[in-house]
């Protein structure tokens, strides 16, 4: 009888460890994605406040979903925001955020990331495409 209690206890501990690991991984992934999205928002705010004649405060509110009027202004001015991920080494990725206005004005922002700092959707695209470049568009 004592033998079965020990086995049950071990199983409970293993399951608890697995569940804890899953929650930790989800929290980590949420943080990675949040940091990446902050970088993109900062790039767009910097660029549009300088070249799109939209005040930074309005852009910040709009990109956080708190100002629908400014969202319309952004859509009228912004042509696209594209992110190109280029694998430099097995563990090093360069992210380039290319922002273009309808007027043709462009800017490029760069950031180096490790494989683990990439959002899971991007890692998945690298793995599935078996290529060194992944390109996505960021919608407002």
C-alpha atoms as a PDB file:
ATOM      1  CA  UNK A   1       0.000   0.000   0.000  1.00  0.00           C
ATOM      2  CA  UNK A   2       2.805   2.413   0.903  1.00  0.00           C
ATOM      3  CA  UNK A   3       4.392   1.644  -2.489  1.00  0.00           C
ATOM      4  CA  UNK A   4       1.294   2.925  -4.369  1.00  0.00           C
ATOM      5  CA  UNK A   5       1.122   6.069  -2.272  1.00  0.00           C
ATOM      6  CA  UNK A   6       4.757   6.852  -3.153  1.00  0.00           C
ATOM      7  CA  UNK A   7       4.050   6.310  -6.865  1.00  0.00           C
ATOM      8  CA  UNK A   8       0.939   8.526  -6.715  1.00  0.00           C
ATOM      9  CA  UNK A   9       2.925  11.221  -4.908  1.00  0.00           C
ATOM     10  CA  UNK A  10       5.679  11.112  -7.549  1.00  0.00           C
ATOM     11  CA  UNK A  11       3.099  11.332 -10.351  1.00  0.00           C
ATOM     12  CA  UNK A  12       1.463  14.360  -8.697  1.00  0.00           C
ATOM     13  CA  UNK A  13       4.845  16.092  -8.366  1.00  0.00           C
ATOM     14  CA  UNK A  14       5.774  15.384 -12.007  1.00  0.00           C
ATOM     15  CA  UNK A  15       2.400  16.679 -13.250  1.00  0.00           C
ATOM     16  CA  UNK A  16       2.756  19.822 -11.085  1.00  0.00           C
ATOM     17  CA  UNK A  17       6.228  20.466 -12.514  1.00  0.00           C
ATOM     18  CA  UNK A  18       4.952  20.040 -16.086  1.00  0.00           C
ATOM     19  CA  UNK A  19       2.009  22.382 -15.493  1.00  0.00           C
ATOM     20  CA  UNK A  20       4.283  24.963 -13.865  1.00  0.00           C
ATOM     21  CA  UNK A  21       6.667  24.775 -16.819  1.00  0.00           C
ATOM     22  CA  UNK A  22       3.802  25.296 -19.284  1.00  0.00           C
ATOM     23  CA  UNK A  23       2.584  28.388 -17.396  1.00  0.00           C
ATOM     24  CA  UNK A  24       6.133  29.742 -17.213  1.00  0.00           C
ATOM     25  CA  UNK A  25       6.626  29.252 -20.978  1.00  0.00           C
ATOM     26  CA  UNK A  26       3.336  31.019 -21.758  1.00  0.00           C
ATOM     27  CA  UNK A  27       4.290  33.971 -19.555  1.00  0.00           C
ATOM     28  CA  UNK A  28       7.708  34.136 -21.189  1.00  0.00           C
ATOM     29  CA  UNK A  29       6.174  34.052 -24.680  1.00  0.00           C
ATOM     30  CA  UNK A  30       3.731  36.830 -23.744  1.00  0.00           C
ATOM     31  CA  UNK A  31       6.646  38.978 -22.522  1.00  0.00           C
ATOM     32  CA  UNK A  32       8.653  38.318 -25.704  1.00  0.00           C
ATOM     33  CA  UNK A  33       5.709  39.278 -27.895  1.00  0.00           C
ATOM     34  CA  UNK A  34       4.942  42.367 -25.795  1.00  0.00           C
ATOM     35  CA  UNK A  35       8.548  43.596 -26.005  1.00  0.00           C
ATOM     36  CA  UNK A  36       8.602  43.104 -29.759  1.00  0.00           C
ATOM     37  CA  UNK A  37       5.299  44.931 -30.248  1.00  0.00           C
ATOM     38  CA  UNK A  38       6.563  47.810 -28.068  1.00  0.00           C
ATOM     39  CA  UNK A  39       9.567  48.150 -30.380  1.00  0.00           C
ATOM     40  CA  UNK A  40       7.318  48.310 -33.461  1.00  0.00           C
ATOM     41  CA  UNK A  41       4.954  50.822 -31.819  1.00  0.00           C
ATOM     42  CA  UNK A  42       7.919  53.008 -30.803  1.00  0.00           C
ATOM     43  CA  UNK A  43       9.238  52.969 -34.373  1.00  0.00           C
ATOM     44  CA  UNK A  44       5.860  53.922 -35.812  1.00  0.00           C
ATOM     45  CA  UNK A  45       5.328  56.657 -33.210  1.00  0.00           C
ATOM     46  CA  UNK A  46       8.779  58.144 -33.824  1.00  0.00           C
ATOM     47  CA  UNK A  47       8.375  58.053 -37.596  1.00  0.00           C
ATOM     48  CA  UNK A  48       4.787  59.289 -37.846  1.00  0.00           C
ATOM     49  CA  UNK A  49       5.290  62.063 -35.306  1.00  0.00           C
ATOM     50  CA  UNK A  50       8.224  63.315 -37.361  1.00  0.00           C
ATOM     51  CA  UNK A  51       6.987  62.786 -40.934  1.00  0.00           C
ATOM     52  CA  UNK A  52       3.248  62.158 -40.643  1.00  0.00           C
ATOM     53  CA  UNK A  53       2.451  65.306 -38.656  1.00  0.00           C
ATOM     54  CA  UNK A  54       0.586  63.415 -35.946  1.00  0.00           C
ATOM     55  CA  UNK A  55       1.426  64.300 -32.323  1.00  0.00           C
ATOM     56  CA  UNK A  56       3.195  61.588 -30.291  1.00  0.00           C
ATOM     57  CA  UNK A  57       0.530  61.639 -27.562  1.00  0.00           C
ATOM     58  CA  UNK A  58      -2.228  60.934 -30.093  1.00  0.00           C
ATOM     59  CA  UNK A  59      -0.193  58.151 -31.692  1.00  0.00           C
ATOM     60  CA  UNK A  60       0.496  56.504 -28.343  1.00  0.00           C
ATOM     61  CA  UNK A  61      -3.209  56.506 -27.449  1.00  0.00           C
ATOM     62  CA  UNK A  62      -4.216  55.223 -30.858  1.00  0.00           C
ATOM     63  CA  UNK A  63      -1.687  52.397 -31.015  1.00  0.00           C
ATOM     64  CA  UNK A  64      -2.851  51.263 -27.584  1.00  0.00           C
ATOM     65  CA  UNK A  65      -6.443  51.185 -28.871  1.00  0.00           C
ATOM     66  CA  UNK A  66      -7.707  54.234 -26.980  1.00  0.00           C
ATOM     67  CA  UNK A  67      -8.251  56.713 -29.833  1.00  0.00           C
ATOM     68  CA  UNK A  68     -10.178  55.735 -32.948  1.00  0.00           C
ATOM     69  CA  UNK A  69      -9.908  59.171 -34.610  1.00  0.00           C
ATOM     70  CA  UNK A  70      -6.116  59.013 -34.730  1.00  0.00           C
ATOM     71  CA  UNK A  71      -6.284  55.444 -36.058  1.00  0.00           C
ATOM     72  CA  UNK A  72      -8.053  56.829 -39.110  1.00  0.00           C
ATOM     73  CA  UNK A  73      -5.347  59.503 -39.535  1.00  0.00           C
ATOM     74  CA  UNK A  74      -2.675  56.806 -39.324  1.00  0.00           C
ATOM     75  CA  UNK A  75      -4.395  54.712 -41.981  1.00  0.00           C
ATOM     76  CA  UNK A  76      -4.604  57.748 -44.269  1.00  0.00           C
ATOM     77  CA  UNK A  77      -0.869  58.509 -43.929  1.00  0.00           C
ATOM     78  CA  UNK A  78       0.779  55.104 -43.444  1.00  0.00           C
ATOM     79  CA  UNK A  79       1.259  52.883 -46.476  1.00  0.00           C
ATOM     80  CA  UNK A  80       2.831  49.920 -44.679  1.00  0.00           C
ATOM     81  CA  UNK A  81       4.951  48.721 -41.814  1.00  0.00           C
ATOM     82  CA  UNK A  82       6.880  45.634 -42.767  1.00  0.00           C
ATOM     83  CA  UNK A  83       9.223  43.601 -40.607  1.00  0.00           C
ATOM     84  CA  UNK A  84      11.945  41.512 -42.217  1.00  0.00           C
ATOM     85  CA  UNK A  85      13.726  38.956 -40.079  1.00  0.00           C
ATOM     86  CA  UNK A  86      17.113  37.868 -41.404  1.00  0.00           C
ATOM     87  CA  UNK A  87      18.962  34.980 -39.814  1.00  0.00           C
ATOM     88  CA  UNK A  88      22.610  35.992 -39.369  1.00  0.00           C
ATOM     89  CA  UNK A  89      23.744  32.870 -37.530  1.00  0.00           C
ATOM     90  CA  UNK A  90      21.902  29.898 -36.086  1.00  0.00           C
ATOM     91  CA  UNK A  91      21.101  31.897 -32.926  1.00  0.00           C
ATOM     92  CA  UNK A  92      21.268  35.539 -34.127  1.00  0.00           C
ATOM     93  CA  UNK A  93      18.449  37.266 -36.013  1.00  0.00           C
ATOM     94  CA  UNK A  94      18.292  40.800 -37.345  1.00  0.00           C
ATOM     95  CA  UNK A  95      14.858  42.435 -37.406  1.00  0.00           C
ATOM     96  CA  UNK A  96      14.317  45.358 -39.767  1.00  0.00           C
ATOM     97  CA  UNK A  97      11.135  47.398 -39.447  1.00  0.00           C
ATOM     98  CA  UNK A  98      10.583  49.283 -42.704  1.00  0.00           C
ATOM     99  CA  UNK A  99       7.887  51.935 -42.447  1.00  0.00           C
ATOM    100  CA  UNK A 100       6.584  53.752 -45.514  1.00  0.00           C
ATOM    101  CA  UNK A 101       4.147  56.631 -45.851  1.00  0.00           C
ATOM    102  CA  UNK A 102       1.793  57.092 -48.793  1.00  0.00           C
ATOM    103  CA  UNK A 103       3.983  60.075 -49.768  1.00  0.00           C
ATOM    104  CA  UNK A 104       6.886  57.679 -50.362  1.00  0.00           C
ATOM    105  CA  UNK A 105       8.891  58.692 -47.280  1.00  0.00           C
ATOM    106  CA  UNK A 106      10.553  55.628 -45.720  1.00  0.00           C
ATOM    107  CA  UNK A 107      12.488  54.759 -42.602  1.00  0.00           C
ATOM    108  CA  UNK A 108      14.192  51.595 -41.452  1.00  0.00           C
ATOM    109  CA  UNK A 109      14.731  50.548 -37.840  1.00  0.00           C
ATOM    110  CA  UNK A 110      17.001  47.622 -36.930  1.00  0.00           C
ATOM    111  CA  UNK A 111      17.308  45.391 -33.914  1.00  0.00           C
ATOM    112  CA  UNK A 112      19.357  42.266 -33.223  1.00  0.00           C
ATOM    113  CA  UNK A 113      17.618  39.405 -31.467  1.00  0.00           C
ATOM    114  CA  UNK A 114      18.531  35.969 -30.278  1.00  0.00           C
ATOM    115  CA  UNK A 115      16.433  33.013 -31.405  1.00  0.00           C
ATOM    116  CA  UNK A 116      14.767  32.887 -27.989  1.00  0.00           C
ATOM    117  CA  UNK A 117      13.751  36.558 -28.205  1.00  0.00           C
ATOM    118  CA  UNK A 118      11.702  35.984 -31.352  1.00  0.00           C
ATOM    119  CA  UNK A 119       7.933  35.648 -31.035  1.00  0.00           C
ATOM    120  CA  UNK A 120       6.910  32.007 -31.480  1.00  0.00           C
ATOM    121  CA  UNK A 121       5.026  32.773 -34.727  1.00  0.00           C
ATOM    122  CA  UNK A 122       8.258  34.006 -36.296  1.00  0.00           C
ATOM    123  CA  UNK A 123      10.294  31.035 -35.071  1.00  0.00           C
ATOM    124  CA  UNK A 124       7.619  28.763 -36.527  1.00  0.00           C
ATOM    125  CA  UNK A 125       7.804  30.546 -39.910  1.00  0.00           C
ATOM    126  CA  UNK A 126      11.585  30.115 -39.983  1.00  0.00           C
ATOM    127  CA  UNK A 127      11.267  26.419 -39.218  1.00  0.00           C
ATOM    128  CA  UNK A 128       8.445  25.738 -41.683  1.00  0.00           C
ATOM    129  CA  UNK A 129       9.908  27.773 -44.547  1.00  0.00           C
ATOM    130  CA  UNK A 130      13.469  26.482 -44.123  1.00  0.00           C
ATOM    131  CA  UNK A 131      14.779  29.886 -45.207  1.00  0.00           C
ATOM    132  CA  UNK A 132      16.964  32.594 -43.694  1.00  0.00           C
ATOM    133  CA  UNK A 133      14.412  35.385 -44.243  1.00  0.00           C
ATOM    134  CA  UNK A 134      10.884  35.849 -42.937  1.00  0.00           C
ATOM    135  CA  UNK A 135       8.765  38.879 -43.814  1.00  0.00           C
ATOM    136  CA  UNK A 136       5.579  40.011 -42.093  1.00  0.00           C
ATOM    137  CA  UNK A 137       3.367  43.098 -42.233  1.00  0.00           C
ATOM    138  CA  UNK A 138       2.214  44.845 -39.086  1.00  0.00           C
ATOM    139  CA  UNK A 139      -1.351  46.129 -39.202  1.00  0.00           C
ATOM    140  CA  UNK A 140      -2.561  49.144 -37.264  1.00  0.00           C
END
